[in-house]
Every structure is written in structure tokens, then in C-alpha cells.
């Protein structure tokens, strides 16, 4: 029994070291934004997609690029625009005169880490093209199913301020993102450090210094370890109490689905593993509940008019439920 326990702790130590090195590589360029980096790494370990929201210039796109650079996997970037067609994302069938038949040419979504910039810029039909690929990791074209390689992760960004020429993401698509990360401005001290770095170093040079830390086989191995993290039944009850409350809460018009409960559990396991624990604590659940839930619930019109945010409502719900010990 002791031998198994020791082996497991050694494995988690390797995971911790990998996470520490990933943070260090990204930190060569990114100043601050610790929560964004932590949640991005947790999403990789929990095999989830991420939506990042923030004003322009707060390193949303750059962080996603650095993440892909520190992991030895394929990376593609898609700039969503109002005239972008579904075929521009998933691919299209092209007639081959040699064989006198159509052949499927894969789009940029066939990659391991896919950065979608300004996801709310594309029309509904292009957004809908992502539904199947994000949930089932496959694409069906002309009756043929094409399975994507593992790992597969979508990192999407959107600007919360500029609404002209944008298309609201439907709830069904939002539900497919594990986290919605809100990125704020850096502090004055952090911004000073950013200026000093830019003054003494070229951005391209700093990015080139970021090296590969993990490959896709190692990621699969780490994910397997995360899935084995222990979570007590009373903590499962705690998770379901939170999500069930969102469906009966008077402040909420549309509550969270069971996919949200699964997301909280998987994300809490990832956070526990990143901290070197082979078990989930209530604090892990509280830490991930807001980024998992904030995009999955819709406030009642009255609360929206009052200026209440989803984060505030989620915080009130967590505070109203007894934390298991």
C-alpha cells in the first residue's frame, strides 16, 4: 500500500515539475496574468477548451501562442471575420481531375492547439461549424467522419467592449468551453516591467527563447494521472449542490447543465495535481467554480438591469452552501 502511494506521489512530482517549467517558459515573455496561465495549464490537463475575454493589448493571443510554443504539438491560428465561411475552418471537398473524384482538404482546425481570434466576429453558421469538433473531436463531411489527433484544444479570444459587427455566441457553444477566463489590465508595477523588457529586448527574440517542454505523449500521460486524482463523495455532493442551485436561483434565468458539474470536477482534479496533491479539496472546487460557470448561466433581466455580474451570483451561491470538511 505504501509503495503504491509513493509511486503516485513521484508521478505527481513529475507533473508539478512540468507545470513549473511551462510557467517559467511562458513567464519569459508574459508579465503577470498568473490566473490566466494557471487556468490554461489546468485546461490542458483536464482536456478542455478555453474562452479568453479581455480588452485588446492584454496578451490574450500572445499567451496562447506561447503555450503552443512550449508544447511540442501542431498549432494553427484562425482569425474570425464576418465573411469567414465554415469551409475556411473545417476544410472542403475539392475535385481531383486525376482521380475524377472529390477529395477532402483539411482546414486549419485540424491541429492540436487551435487559436481562434475574436470568435464572436464570425456569423452563426461558422460558429456552428465548431460544435461537433469541440465536443466530439471529429468532423463529418460528405458522410465521412474525420477524427482529430490528440491532444486537441481550442483557445478562443473575444473583446467584451466592441460589439459592433459581432455575433453573440450561442449558449450551446459556450457550454463547450471548460473555462471562460477574464483578463484584466496589468498593475502599474507589471506594466513598468513590460516596458523595461520591451526597451531592452526584441519581442521576436523573447518569443524565440521559449522552448518545448512537453510532447503529445507526455500530455496524454499527465492527463491520465489527473483523471486518477481522488475526489470524495461529499465533494461530489458539493459540486452538484452548486450547479443545482443555479437552476433554482431567482437571480438566474438559465442555469448550468450537467456538463458544468463534470467541468468543475475535472478542473478541480487538475488544480489538485498541479499543487502536488492526489486528492481534491473544497478549495480546489471553489477556485474553479467561477471560471467554469460564468459563461454557462444567464442572469434574469432584473439582475442584469441592476448591474449584477454572473461572478457575483456564483460567489453568493458558493457562500450559501456549507463547505464539506
C-alpha atoms as a PDB file:
ATOM      1  CA  UNK A   1       0.000   0.000   0.000  1.00  0.00           C
ATOM      2  CA  UNK A   2       2.792   2.416   0.946  1.00  0.00           C
ATOM      3  CA  UNK A   3       4.661   1.511  -2.243  1.00  0.00           C
ATOM      4  CA  UNK A   4       1.665   2.472  -4.459  1.00  0.00           C
ATOM      5  CA  UNK A   5       1.208   5.719  -2.581  1.00  0.00           C
ATOM      6  CA  UNK A   6       4.876   6.588  -3.005  1.00  0.00           C
ATOM      7  CA  UNK A   7       4.750   5.857  -6.750  1.00  0.00           C
ATOM      8  CA  UNK A   8       1.736   8.104  -7.175  1.00  0.00           C
ATOM      9  CA  UNK A   9       3.433  10.970  -5.312  1.00  0.00           C
ATOM     10  CA  UNK A  10       6.506  10.587  -7.522  1.00  0.00           C
ATOM     11  CA  UNK A  11       4.308  10.816 -10.640  1.00  0.00           C
ATOM     12  CA  UNK A  12       2.644  13.979  -9.364  1.00  0.00           C
ATOM     13  CA  UNK A  13       6.047  15.435  -8.657  1.00  0.00           C
ATOM     14  CA  UNK A  14       6.885  14.991 -12.333  1.00  0.00           C
ATOM     15  CA  UNK A  15       3.605  16.696 -13.237  1.00  0.00           C
ATOM     16  CA  UNK A  16       4.417  19.552 -10.877  1.00  0.00           C
ATOM     17  CA  UNK A  17       7.838  19.963 -12.439  1.00  0.00           C
ATOM     18  CA  UNK A  18       6.308  20.041 -15.927  1.00  0.00           C
ATOM     19  CA  UNK A  19       3.789  22.709 -14.859  1.00  0.00           C
ATOM     20  CA  UNK A  20       6.541  24.753 -13.168  1.00  0.00           C
ATOM     21  CA  UNK A  21       8.676  24.619 -16.321  1.00  0.00           C
ATOM     22  CA  UNK A  22       5.707  25.577 -18.546  1.00  0.00           C
ATOM     23  CA  UNK A  23       5.006  28.566 -16.290  1.00  0.00           C
ATOM     24  CA  UNK A  24       8.675  29.566 -16.450  1.00  0.00           C
ATOM     25  CA  UNK A  25       8.773  29.372 -20.248  1.00  0.00           C
ATOM     26  CA  UNK A  26       5.622  31.483 -20.648  1.00  0.00           C
ATOM     27  CA  UNK A  27       6.925  33.847 -17.940  1.00  0.00           C
ATOM     28  CA  UNK A  28       9.943  34.654 -20.124  1.00  0.00           C
ATOM     29  CA  UNK A  29       7.599  36.883 -22.137  1.00  0.00           C
ATOM     30  CA  UNK A  30       4.336  37.319 -20.195  1.00  0.00           C
ATOM     31  CA  UNK A  31       4.428  39.521 -17.096  1.00  0.00           C
ATOM     32  CA  UNK A  32       1.692  38.846 -14.540  1.00  0.00           C
ATOM     33  CA  UNK A  33      -1.591  37.244 -15.719  1.00  0.00           C
ATOM     34  CA  UNK A  34      -0.950  34.351 -13.295  1.00  0.00           C
ATOM     35  CA  UNK A  35      -4.585  33.268 -13.182  1.00  0.00           C
ATOM     36  CA  UNK A  36      -4.875  33.112 -16.972  1.00  0.00           C
ATOM     37  CA  UNK A  37      -1.738  30.965 -17.220  1.00  0.00           C
ATOM     38  CA  UNK A  38      -2.832  28.702 -14.341  1.00  0.00           C
ATOM     39  CA  UNK A  39      -6.272  28.094 -15.873  1.00  0.00           C
ATOM     40  CA  UNK A  40      -4.797  27.478 -19.336  1.00  0.00           C
ATOM     41  CA  UNK A  41      -2.489  24.818 -17.889  1.00  0.00           C
ATOM     42  CA  UNK A  42      -5.371  23.306 -15.903  1.00  0.00           C
ATOM     43  CA  UNK A  43      -7.437  23.174 -19.108  1.00  0.00           C
ATOM     44  CA  UNK A  44      -4.683  21.254 -20.896  1.00  0.00           C
ATOM     45  CA  UNK A  45      -4.516  18.721 -18.047  1.00  0.00           C
ATOM     46  CA  UNK A  46      -8.330  18.464 -17.878  1.00  0.00           C
ATOM     47  CA  UNK A  47      -8.654  18.165 -21.686  1.00  0.00           C
ATOM     48  CA  UNK A  48     -10.886  21.235 -22.044  1.00  0.00           C
ATOM     49  CA  UNK A  49     -11.309  24.264 -24.300  1.00  0.00           C
ATOM     50  CA  UNK A  50     -10.856  27.843 -23.116  1.00  0.00           C
ATOM     51  CA  UNK A  51     -12.535  31.162 -23.931  1.00  0.00           C
ATOM     52  CA  UNK A  52     -10.461  34.226 -23.013  1.00  0.00           C
ATOM     53  CA  UNK A  53     -12.168  37.594 -22.750  1.00  0.00           C
ATOM     54  CA  UNK A  54     -10.355  40.888 -22.361  1.00  0.00           C
ATOM     55  CA  UNK A  55      -9.716  44.252 -23.958  1.00  0.00           C
ATOM     56  CA  UNK A  56      -7.134  44.469 -26.754  1.00  0.00           C
ATOM     57  CA  UNK A  57      -3.476  44.543 -25.749  1.00  0.00           C
ATOM     58  CA  UNK A  58      -3.538  42.376 -22.598  1.00  0.00           C
ATOM     59  CA  UNK A  59      -1.607  39.463 -24.186  1.00  0.00           C
ATOM     60  CA  UNK A  60      -4.521  37.053 -24.778  1.00  0.00           C
ATOM     61  CA  UNK A  61      -3.299  35.939 -28.197  1.00  0.00           C
ATOM     62  CA  UNK A  62       0.370  36.058 -27.238  1.00  0.00           C
ATOM     63  CA  UNK A  63      -0.155  33.806 -24.214  1.00  0.00           C
ATOM     64  CA  UNK A  64      -1.960  31.203 -26.322  1.00  0.00           C
ATOM     65  CA  UNK A  65       0.876  31.282 -28.873  1.00  0.00           C
ATOM     66  CA  UNK A  66       3.497  30.874 -26.157  1.00  0.00           C
ATOM     67  CA  UNK A  67       1.553  27.978 -24.674  1.00  0.00           C
ATOM     68  CA  UNK A  68       1.617  26.175 -28.004  1.00  0.00           C
ATOM     69  CA  UNK A  69       5.299  27.005 -28.447  1.00  0.00           C
ATOM     70  CA  UNK A  70       6.191  25.449 -25.073  1.00  0.00           C
ATOM     71  CA  UNK A  71       4.418  22.227 -26.057  1.00  0.00           C
ATOM     72  CA  UNK A  72       5.782  20.242 -28.991  1.00  0.00           C
ATOM     73  CA  UNK A  73       2.483  19.925 -30.880  1.00  0.00           C
ATOM     74  CA  UNK A  74       0.921  21.394 -34.017  1.00  0.00           C
ATOM     75  CA  UNK A  75      -0.525  24.894 -33.742  1.00  0.00           C
ATOM     76  CA  UNK A  76      -2.825  26.881 -36.002  1.00  0.00           C
ATOM     77  CA  UNK A  77      -4.395  30.320 -35.727  1.00  0.00           C
ATOM     78  CA  UNK A  78      -7.718  31.324 -37.270  1.00  0.00           C
ATOM     79  CA  UNK A  79      -8.765  34.979 -37.403  1.00  0.00           C
ATOM     80  CA  UNK A  80     -12.566  35.037 -37.310  1.00  0.00           C
ATOM     81  CA  UNK A  81     -14.125  37.685 -39.565  1.00  0.00           C
ATOM     82  CA  UNK A  82     -17.731  38.381 -40.690  1.00  0.00           C
ATOM     83  CA  UNK A  83     -17.070  36.858 -44.135  1.00  0.00           C
ATOM     84  CA  UNK A  84     -15.431  33.650 -42.826  1.00  0.00           C
ATOM     85  CA  UNK A  85     -17.148  30.510 -44.136  1.00  0.00           C
ATOM     86  CA  UNK A  86     -17.375  27.108 -42.360  1.00  0.00           C
ATOM     87  CA  UNK A  87     -15.172  25.594 -45.092  1.00  0.00           C
ATOM     88  CA  UNK A  88     -12.445  28.117 -44.158  1.00  0.00           C
ATOM     89  CA  UNK A  89     -12.342  26.474 -40.727  1.00  0.00           C
ATOM     90  CA  UNK A  90     -13.013  22.759 -41.178  1.00  0.00           C
ATOM     91  CA  UNK A  91     -11.971  22.266 -44.805  1.00  0.00           C
ATOM     92  CA  UNK A  92     -13.735  21.479 -48.060  1.00  0.00           C
ATOM     93  CA  UNK A  93     -14.093  18.845 -50.761  1.00  0.00           C
ATOM     94  CA  UNK A  94     -12.071  19.602 -53.903  1.00  0.00           C
ATOM     95  CA  UNK A  95     -12.439  17.818 -57.227  1.00  0.00           C
ATOM     96  CA  UNK A  96      -9.301  15.938 -58.252  1.00  0.00           C
ATOM     97  CA  UNK A  97      -9.245  15.620 -62.078  1.00  0.00           C
ATOM     98  CA  UNK A  98      -6.593  12.860 -61.950  1.00  0.00           C
ATOM     99  CA  UNK A  99      -8.850  10.509 -59.985  1.00  0.00           C
ATOM    100  CA  UNK A 100     -12.090  12.071 -61.254  1.00  0.00           C
ATOM    101  CA  UNK A 101     -13.387  12.263 -57.695  1.00  0.00           C
ATOM    102  CA  UNK A 102     -13.659  14.688 -54.800  1.00  0.00           C
ATOM    103  CA  UNK A 103     -11.097  14.656 -52.009  1.00  0.00           C
ATOM    104  CA  UNK A 104     -11.290  16.348 -48.623  1.00  0.00           C
ATOM    105  CA  UNK A 105      -8.766  19.065 -47.929  1.00  0.00           C
ATOM    106  CA  UNK A 106      -8.416  19.648 -44.222  1.00  0.00           C
ATOM    107  CA  UNK A 107      -8.860  23.120 -42.765  1.00  0.00           C
ATOM    108  CA  UNK A 108      -6.814  24.803 -40.013  1.00  0.00           C
ATOM    109  CA  UNK A 109      -8.997  23.237 -37.304  1.00  0.00           C
ATOM    110  CA  UNK A 110      -7.030  20.012 -37.894  1.00  0.00           C
ATOM    111  CA  UNK A 111      -4.299  20.842 -35.412  1.00  0.00           C
ATOM    112  CA  UNK A 112      -3.511  20.204 -31.740  1.00  0.00           C
ATOM    113  CA  UNK A 113      -3.812  23.693 -30.256  1.00  0.00           C
ATOM    114  CA  UNK A 114      -6.088  25.979 -32.280  1.00  0.00           C
ATOM    115  CA  UNK A 115      -6.163  29.687 -31.501  1.00  0.00           C
ATOM    116  CA  UNK A 116      -9.374  31.366 -32.670  1.00  0.00           C
ATOM    117  CA  UNK A 117      -9.004  35.125 -32.501  1.00  0.00           C
ATOM    118  CA  UNK A 118     -12.175  37.164 -31.944  1.00  0.00           C
ATOM    119  CA  UNK A 119     -14.508  34.180 -32.118  1.00  0.00           C
ATOM    120  CA  UNK A 120     -17.583  36.431 -31.908  1.00  0.00           C
ATOM    121  CA  UNK A 121     -16.694  38.149 -35.196  1.00  0.00           C
ATOM    122  CA  UNK A 122     -17.850  35.245 -37.392  1.00  0.00           C
ATOM    123  CA  UNK A 123     -21.525  34.599 -38.253  1.00  0.00           C
ATOM    124  CA  UNK A 124     -23.588  31.840 -36.652  1.00  0.00           C
ATOM    125  CA  UNK A 125     -23.040  29.256 -39.419  1.00  0.00           C
ATOM    126  CA  UNK A 126     -19.256  29.478 -38.998  1.00  0.00           C
ATOM    127  CA  UNK A 127     -19.521  29.315 -35.204  1.00  0.00           C
ATOM    128  CA  UNK A 128     -21.794  26.277 -35.588  1.00  0.00           C
ATOM    129  CA  UNK A 129     -19.073  24.509 -37.593  1.00  0.00           C
ATOM    130  CA  UNK A 130     -17.139  24.289 -34.331  1.00  0.00           C
ATOM    131  CA  UNK A 131     -19.885  22.460 -32.414  1.00  0.00           C
ATOM    132  CA  UNK A 132     -19.087  18.913 -33.476  1.00  0.00           C
ATOM    133  CA  UNK A 133     -15.329  19.341 -33.497  1.00  0.00           C
ATOM    134  CA  UNK A 134     -15.167  20.871 -30.000  1.00  0.00           C
ATOM    135  CA  UNK A 135     -17.344  18.238 -28.339  1.00  0.00           C
ATOM    136  CA  UNK A 136     -16.667  15.052 -30.289  1.00  0.00           C
ATOM    137  CA  UNK A 137     -13.176  15.847 -31.637  1.00  0.00           C
ATOM    138  CA  UNK A 138     -14.276  14.858 -35.132  1.00  0.00           C
ATOM    139  CA  UNK A 139     -15.667  16.355 -38.339  1.00  0.00           C
ATOM    140  CA  UNK A 140     -18.266  14.811 -40.639  1.00  0.00           C
ATOM    141  CA  UNK A 141     -18.010  15.867 -44.275  1.00  0.00           C
ATOM    142  CA  UNK A 142     -19.979  14.283 -47.155  1.00  0.00           C
ATOM    143  CA  UNK A 143     -20.882  11.310 -44.973  1.00  0.00           C
ATOM    144  CA  UNK A 144     -17.268  10.617 -43.955  1.00  0.00           C
ATOM    145  CA  UNK A 145     -16.034  11.146 -40.401  1.00  0.00           C
ATOM    146  CA  UNK A 146     -12.535  12.542 -39.827  1.00  0.00           C
ATOM    147  CA  UNK A 147     -11.175  12.149 -36.294  1.00  0.00           C
ATOM    148  CA  UNK A 148      -8.781  14.800 -34.967  1.00  0.00           C
ATOM    149  CA  UNK A 149      -5.480  13.872 -33.352  1.00  0.00           C
ATOM    150  CA  UNK A 150      -4.940  14.173 -29.607  1.00  0.00           C
ATOM    151  CA  UNK A 151      -4.371  16.466 -27.866  1.00  0.00           C
ATOM    152  CA  UNK A 152      -6.945  18.882 -29.281  1.00  0.00           C
ATOM    153  CA  UNK A 153      -7.623  22.199 -27.583  1.00  0.00           C
ATOM    154  CA  UNK A 154      -9.408  25.336 -28.775  1.00  0.00           C
ATOM    155  CA  UNK A 155      -8.290  28.625 -27.235  1.00  0.00           C
ATOM    156  CA  UNK A 156     -10.695  31.359 -28.335  1.00  0.00           C
ATOM    157  CA  UNK A 157     -10.477  35.075 -27.607  1.00  0.00           C
ATOM    158  CA  UNK A 158     -13.097  37.802 -27.670  1.00  0.00           C
ATOM    159  CA  UNK A 159     -13.277  41.513 -26.952  1.00  0.00           C
ATOM    160  CA  UNK A 160     -16.038  42.392 -24.421  1.00  0.00           C
ATOM    161  CA  UNK A 161     -16.191  46.095 -25.284  1.00  0.00           C
ATOM    162  CA  UNK A 162     -16.562  46.357 -29.039  1.00  0.00           C
ATOM    163  CA  UNK A 163     -19.955  44.892 -30.009  1.00  0.00           C
ATOM    164  CA  UNK A 164     -20.379  46.392 -33.482  1.00  0.00           C
ATOM    165  CA  UNK A 165     -20.000  43.717 -36.159  1.00  0.00           C
ATOM    166  CA  UNK A 166     -20.002  40.850 -33.658  1.00  0.00           C
ATOM    167  CA  UNK A 167     -22.274  37.839 -33.255  1.00  0.00           C
ATOM    168  CA  UNK A 168     -23.344  36.620 -29.836  1.00  0.00           C
ATOM    169  CA  UNK A 169     -22.059  33.122 -29.072  1.00  0.00           C
ATOM    170  CA  UNK A 170     -25.000  30.752 -28.527  1.00  0.00           C
ATOM    171  CA  UNK A 171     -25.342  29.062 -25.141  1.00  0.00           C
ATOM    172  CA  UNK A 172     -24.816  25.638 -26.744  1.00  0.00           C
ATOM    173  CA  UNK A 173     -21.363  26.664 -27.924  1.00  0.00           C
ATOM    174  CA  UNK A 174     -20.406  28.465 -24.731  1.00  0.00           C
ATOM    175  CA  UNK A 175     -21.210  25.271 -22.829  1.00  0.00           C
ATOM    176  CA  UNK A 176     -18.427  23.508 -24.731  1.00  0.00           C
ATOM    177  CA  UNK A 177     -15.740  25.721 -23.184  1.00  0.00           C
ATOM    178  CA  UNK A 178     -14.360  24.415 -19.898  1.00  0.00           C
ATOM    179  CA  UNK A 179     -13.309  27.882 -18.713  1.00  0.00           C
ATOM    180  CA  UNK A 180     -14.115  31.461 -19.522  1.00  0.00           C
ATOM    181  CA  UNK A 181     -11.109  33.481 -18.371  1.00  0.00           C
ATOM    182  CA  UNK A 182     -11.460  37.221 -17.788  1.00  0.00           C
ATOM    183  CA  UNK A 183      -8.199  39.070 -18.373  1.00  0.00           C
ATOM    184  CA  UNK A 184      -7.706  42.426 -16.691  1.00  0.00           C
ATOM    185  CA  UNK A 185      -5.146  45.187 -17.142  1.00  0.00           C
ATOM    186  CA  UNK A 186      -1.724  44.670 -15.542  1.00  0.00           C
ATOM    187  CA  UNK A 187      -0.795  46.562 -12.394  1.00  0.00           C
ATOM    188  CA  UNK A 188       1.388  49.667 -12.715  1.00  0.00           C
ATOM    189  CA  UNK A 189       4.434  47.696 -11.497  1.00  0.00           C
ATOM    190  CA  UNK A 190       3.787  44.912 -14.022  1.00  0.00           C
ATOM    191  CA  UNK A 191       3.319  47.424 -16.835  1.00  0.00           C
ATOM    192  CA  UNK A 192       6.618  49.070 -15.885  1.00  0.00           C
ATOM    193  CA  UNK A 193       8.337  45.696 -16.165  1.00  0.00           C
ATOM    194  CA  UNK A 194       6.692  45.129 -19.569  1.00  0.00           C
ATOM    195  CA  UNK A 195       8.117  48.455 -20.771  1.00  0.00           C
ATOM    196  CA  UNK A 196      11.589  47.610 -19.422  1.00  0.00           C
ATOM    197  CA  UNK A 197      11.517  44.238 -21.204  1.00  0.00           C
ATOM    198  CA  UNK A 198      10.398  45.840 -24.473  1.00  0.00           C
ATOM    199  CA  UNK A 199      13.095  48.501 -24.131  1.00  0.00           C
ATOM    200  CA  UNK A 200      15.943  46.019 -23.688  1.00  0.00           C
ATOM    201  CA  UNK A 201      14.698  43.079 -25.755  1.00  0.00           C
ATOM    202  CA  UNK A 202      13.092  42.493 -29.111  1.00  0.00           C
ATOM    203  CA  UNK A 203       9.704  40.681 -28.850  1.00  0.00           C
ATOM    204  CA  UNK A 204      10.675  38.137 -31.507  1.00  0.00           C
ATOM    205  CA  UNK A 205      13.898  37.385 -29.601  1.00  0.00           C
ATOM    206  CA  UNK A 206      11.998  36.843 -26.341  1.00  0.00           C
ATOM    207  CA  UNK A 207       9.499  34.518 -28.051  1.00  0.00           C
ATOM    208  CA  UNK A 208      12.359  32.545 -29.637  1.00  0.00           C
ATOM    209  CA  UNK A 209      13.734  31.885 -26.151  1.00  0.00           C
ATOM    210  CA  UNK A 210      10.617  29.866 -25.268  1.00  0.00           C
ATOM    211  CA  UNK A 211      11.463  26.168 -25.705  1.00  0.00           C
ATOM    212  CA  UNK A 212       9.463  22.927 -25.895  1.00  0.00           C
ATOM    213  CA  UNK A 213       8.710  21.360 -22.505  1.00  0.00           C
ATOM    214  CA  UNK A 214       6.197  18.600 -23.299  1.00  0.00           C
ATOM    215  CA  UNK A 215       5.215  16.456 -26.272  1.00  0.00           C
ATOM    216  CA  UNK A 216       1.803  14.932 -27.007  1.00  0.00           C
ATOM    217  CA  UNK A 217       2.682  11.554 -25.412  1.00  0.00           C
ATOM    218  CA  UNK A 218       3.647  13.276 -22.156  1.00  0.00           C
ATOM    219  CA  UNK A 219       0.427  15.295 -22.184  1.00  0.00           C
ATOM    220  CA  UNK A 220      -1.632  12.107 -22.533  1.00  0.00           C
ATOM    221  CA  UNK A 221       0.310  10.567 -19.636  1.00  0.00           C
ATOM    222  CA  UNK A 222      -0.273  13.613 -17.404  1.00  0.00           C
ATOM    223  CA  UNK A 223      -3.974  13.668 -18.266  1.00  0.00           C
ATOM    224  CA  UNK A 224      -4.259  10.032 -17.237  1.00  0.00           C
ATOM    225  CA  UNK A 225      -2.731  10.901 -13.866  1.00  0.00           C
ATOM    226  CA  UNK A 226      -5.181  13.790 -13.421  1.00  0.00           C
ATOM    227  CA  UNK A 227      -8.168  11.524 -14.118  1.00  0.00           C
ATOM    228  CA  UNK A 228      -6.980   9.231 -11.291  1.00  0.00           C
ATOM    229  CA  UNK A 229      -6.935  12.036  -8.690  1.00  0.00           C
ATOM    230  CA  UNK A 230      -9.174  11.036  -5.772  1.00  0.00           C
ATOM    231  CA  UNK A 231     -12.329  13.021  -5.005  1.00  0.00           C
ATOM    232  CA  UNK A 232     -14.543  12.134  -2.040  1.00  0.00           C
ATOM    233  CA  UNK A 233     -18.261  11.630  -2.497  1.00  0.00           C
ATOM    234  CA  UNK A 234     -19.093  14.527  -0.186  1.00  0.00           C
ATOM    235  CA  UNK A 235     -17.205  16.801  -2.581  1.00  0.00           C
ATOM    236  CA  UNK A 236     -19.239  15.451  -5.487  1.00  0.00           C
ATOM    237  CA  UNK A 237     -22.335  16.426  -3.498  1.00  0.00           C
ATOM    238  CA  UNK A 238     -20.788  19.892  -3.011  1.00  0.00           C
ATOM    239  CA  UNK A 239     -20.346  20.272  -6.786  1.00  0.00           C
ATOM    240  CA  UNK A 240     -23.895  19.169  -7.583  1.00  0.00           C
ATOM    241  CA  UNK A 241     -25.266  21.456  -4.858  1.00  0.00           C
ATOM    242  CA  UNK A 242     -23.607  24.426  -6.593  1.00  0.00           C
ATOM    243  CA  UNK A 243     -24.841  23.583 -10.099  1.00  0.00           C
ATOM    244  CA  UNK A 244     -28.327  22.602  -8.935  1.00  0.00           C
ATOM    245  CA  UNK A 245     -28.627  25.943  -7.146  1.00  0.00           C
ATOM    246  CA  UNK A 246     -28.018  27.754 -10.453  1.00  0.00           C
ATOM    247  CA  UNK A 247     -31.173  26.106 -11.836  1.00  0.00           C
ATOM    248  CA  UNK A 248     -33.437  27.232  -8.987  1.00  0.00           C
ATOM    249  CA  UNK A 249     -31.824  30.571  -8.118  1.00  0.00           C
ATOM    250  CA  UNK A 250     -34.168  33.537  -8.664  1.00  0.00           C
ATOM    251  CA  UNK A 251     -31.300  35.664  -9.946  1.00  0.00           C
ATOM    252  CA  UNK A 252     -30.633  33.238 -12.798  1.00  0.00           C
ATOM    253  CA  UNK A 253     -32.764  32.812 -15.921  1.00  0.00           C
ATOM    254  CA  UNK A 254     -30.803  29.864 -17.355  1.00  0.00           C
ATOM    255  CA  UNK A 255     -28.853  27.537 -15.067  1.00  0.00           C
ATOM    256  CA  UNK A 256     -25.797  25.354 -15.640  1.00  0.00           C
ATOM    257  CA  UNK A 257     -26.006  21.931 -17.304  1.00  0.00           C
ATOM    258  CA  UNK A 258     -24.533  18.630 -16.014  1.00  0.00           C
ATOM    259  CA  UNK A 259     -21.568  19.363 -18.295  1.00  0.00           C
ATOM    260  CA  UNK A 260     -20.736  22.181 -15.871  1.00  0.00           C
ATOM    261  CA  UNK A 261     -20.607  19.715 -12.950  1.00  0.00           C
ATOM    262  CA  UNK A 262     -18.259  17.473 -14.913  1.00  0.00           C
ATOM    263  CA  UNK A 263     -16.167  20.515 -15.794  1.00  0.00           C
ATOM    264  CA  UNK A 264     -15.846  21.594 -12.148  1.00  0.00           C
ATOM    265  CA  UNK A 265     -14.816  18.066 -11.113  1.00  0.00           C
ATOM    266  CA  UNK A 266     -12.203  17.672 -13.865  1.00  0.00           C
ATOM    267  CA  UNK A 267     -10.816  21.177 -13.380  1.00  0.00           C
ATOM    268  CA  UNK A 268     -10.576  20.688  -9.594  1.00  0.00           C
ATOM    269  CA  UNK A 269      -8.634  17.459 -10.176  1.00  0.00           C
ATOM    270  CA  UNK A 270      -6.223  19.333 -12.454  1.00  0.00           C
ATOM    271  CA  UNK A 271      -5.674  22.095  -9.878  1.00  0.00           C
ATOM    272  CA  UNK A 272      -5.060  19.494  -7.144  1.00  0.00           C
ATOM    273  CA  UNK A 273      -2.498  17.684  -9.311  1.00  0.00           C
ATOM    274  CA  UNK A 274      -0.759  20.961 -10.177  1.00  0.00           C
ATOM    275  CA  UNK A 275      -0.325  21.577  -6.451  1.00  0.00           C
ATOM    276  CA  UNK A 276       1.100  18.072  -5.915  1.00  0.00           C
ATOM    277  CA  UNK A 277      -1.955  16.544  -4.221  1.00  0.00           C
ATOM    278  CA  UNK A 278      -3.543  13.236  -5.210  1.00  0.00           C
ATOM    279  CA  UNK A 279      -6.895  14.344  -3.759  1.00  0.00           C
ATOM    280  CA  UNK A 280      -9.328  17.208  -4.334  1.00  0.00           C
ATOM    281  CA  UNK A 281     -10.108  19.718  -1.583  1.00  0.00           C
ATOM    282  CA  UNK A 282     -13.133  22.050  -1.283  1.00  0.00           C
ATOM    283  CA  UNK A 283     -10.774  24.960  -2.027  1.00  0.00           C
ATOM    284  CA  UNK A 284      -9.983  23.441  -5.444  1.00  0.00           C
ATOM    285  CA  UNK A 285     -13.694  23.342  -6.269  1.00  0.00           C
ATOM    286  CA  UNK A 286     -14.251  26.932  -5.109  1.00  0.00           C
ATOM    287  CA  UNK A 287     -11.244  28.105  -7.178  1.00  0.00           C
ATOM    288  CA  UNK A 288     -12.548  26.665 -10.459  1.00  0.00           C
ATOM    289  CA  UNK A 289     -16.311  27.085  -9.954  1.00  0.00           C
ATOM    290  CA  UNK A 290     -16.481  30.689 -11.183  1.00  0.00           C
ATOM    291  CA  UNK A 291     -14.449  30.293 -14.430  1.00  0.00           C
ATOM    292  CA  UNK A 292     -16.411  27.097 -15.177  1.00  0.00           C
ATOM    293  CA  UNK A 293     -19.832  28.638 -14.508  1.00  0.00           C
ATOM    294  CA  UNK A 294     -19.598  32.320 -15.520  1.00  0.00           C
ATOM    295  CA  UNK A 295     -20.354  31.655 -19.208  1.00  0.00           C
ATOM    296  CA  UNK A 296     -22.869  28.864 -18.588  1.00  0.00           C
ATOM    297  CA  UNK A 297     -25.506  30.818 -16.677  1.00  0.00           C
ATOM    298  CA  UNK A 298     -27.754  33.634 -17.861  1.00  0.00           C
ATOM    299  CA  UNK A 299     -28.907  36.209 -15.341  1.00  0.00           C
ATOM    300  CA  UNK A 300     -32.518  37.284 -15.065  1.00  0.00           C
ATOM    301  CA  UNK A 301     -33.339  40.587 -16.834  1.00  0.00           C
ATOM    302  CA  UNK A 302     -33.902  42.255 -13.454  1.00  0.00           C
ATOM    303  CA  UNK A 303     -30.414  41.383 -12.201  1.00  0.00           C
ATOM    304  CA  UNK A 304     -28.821  42.478 -15.466  1.00  0.00           C
ATOM    305  CA  UNK A 305     -30.556  45.855 -15.174  1.00  0.00           C
ATOM    306  CA  UNK A 306     -29.190  46.160 -11.632  1.00  0.00           C
ATOM    307  CA  UNK A 307     -25.673  45.669 -12.997  1.00  0.00           C
ATOM    308  CA  UNK A 308     -25.100  42.400 -11.124  1.00  0.00           C
ATOM    309  CA  UNK A 309     -22.460  40.126 -12.709  1.00  0.00           C
ATOM    310  CA  UNK A 310     -22.508  36.346 -13.073  1.00  0.00           C
ATOM    311  CA  UNK A 311     -19.334  36.194 -10.957  1.00  0.00           C
ATOM    312  CA  UNK A 312     -21.127  37.896  -8.065  1.00  0.00           C
ATOM    313  CA  UNK A 313     -24.073  35.490  -8.290  1.00  0.00           C
ATOM    314  CA  UNK A 314     -21.784  32.420  -8.405  1.00  0.00           C
ATOM    315  CA  UNK A 315     -19.899  33.764  -5.379  1.00  0.00           C
ATOM    316  CA  UNK A 316     -23.199  34.213  -3.486  1.00  0.00           C
ATOM    317  CA  UNK A 317     -24.247  30.662  -4.354  1.00  0.00           C
ATOM    318  CA  UNK A 318     -20.966  29.175  -3.103  1.00  0.00           C
ATOM    319  CA  UNK A 319     -21.188  31.180   0.127  1.00  0.00           C
ATOM    320  CA  UNK A 320     -24.738  29.944   0.717  1.00  0.00           C
ATOM    321  CA  UNK A 321     -23.701  26.261   0.580  1.00  0.00           C
ATOM    322  CA  UNK A 322     -21.981  24.596   3.535  1.00  0.00           C
ATOM    323  CA  UNK A 323     -18.448  23.625   2.590  1.00  0.00           C
ATOM    324  CA  UNK A 324     -17.782  19.954   3.438  1.00  0.00           C
ATOM    325  CA  UNK A 325     -14.876  19.196   5.745  1.00  0.00           C
END
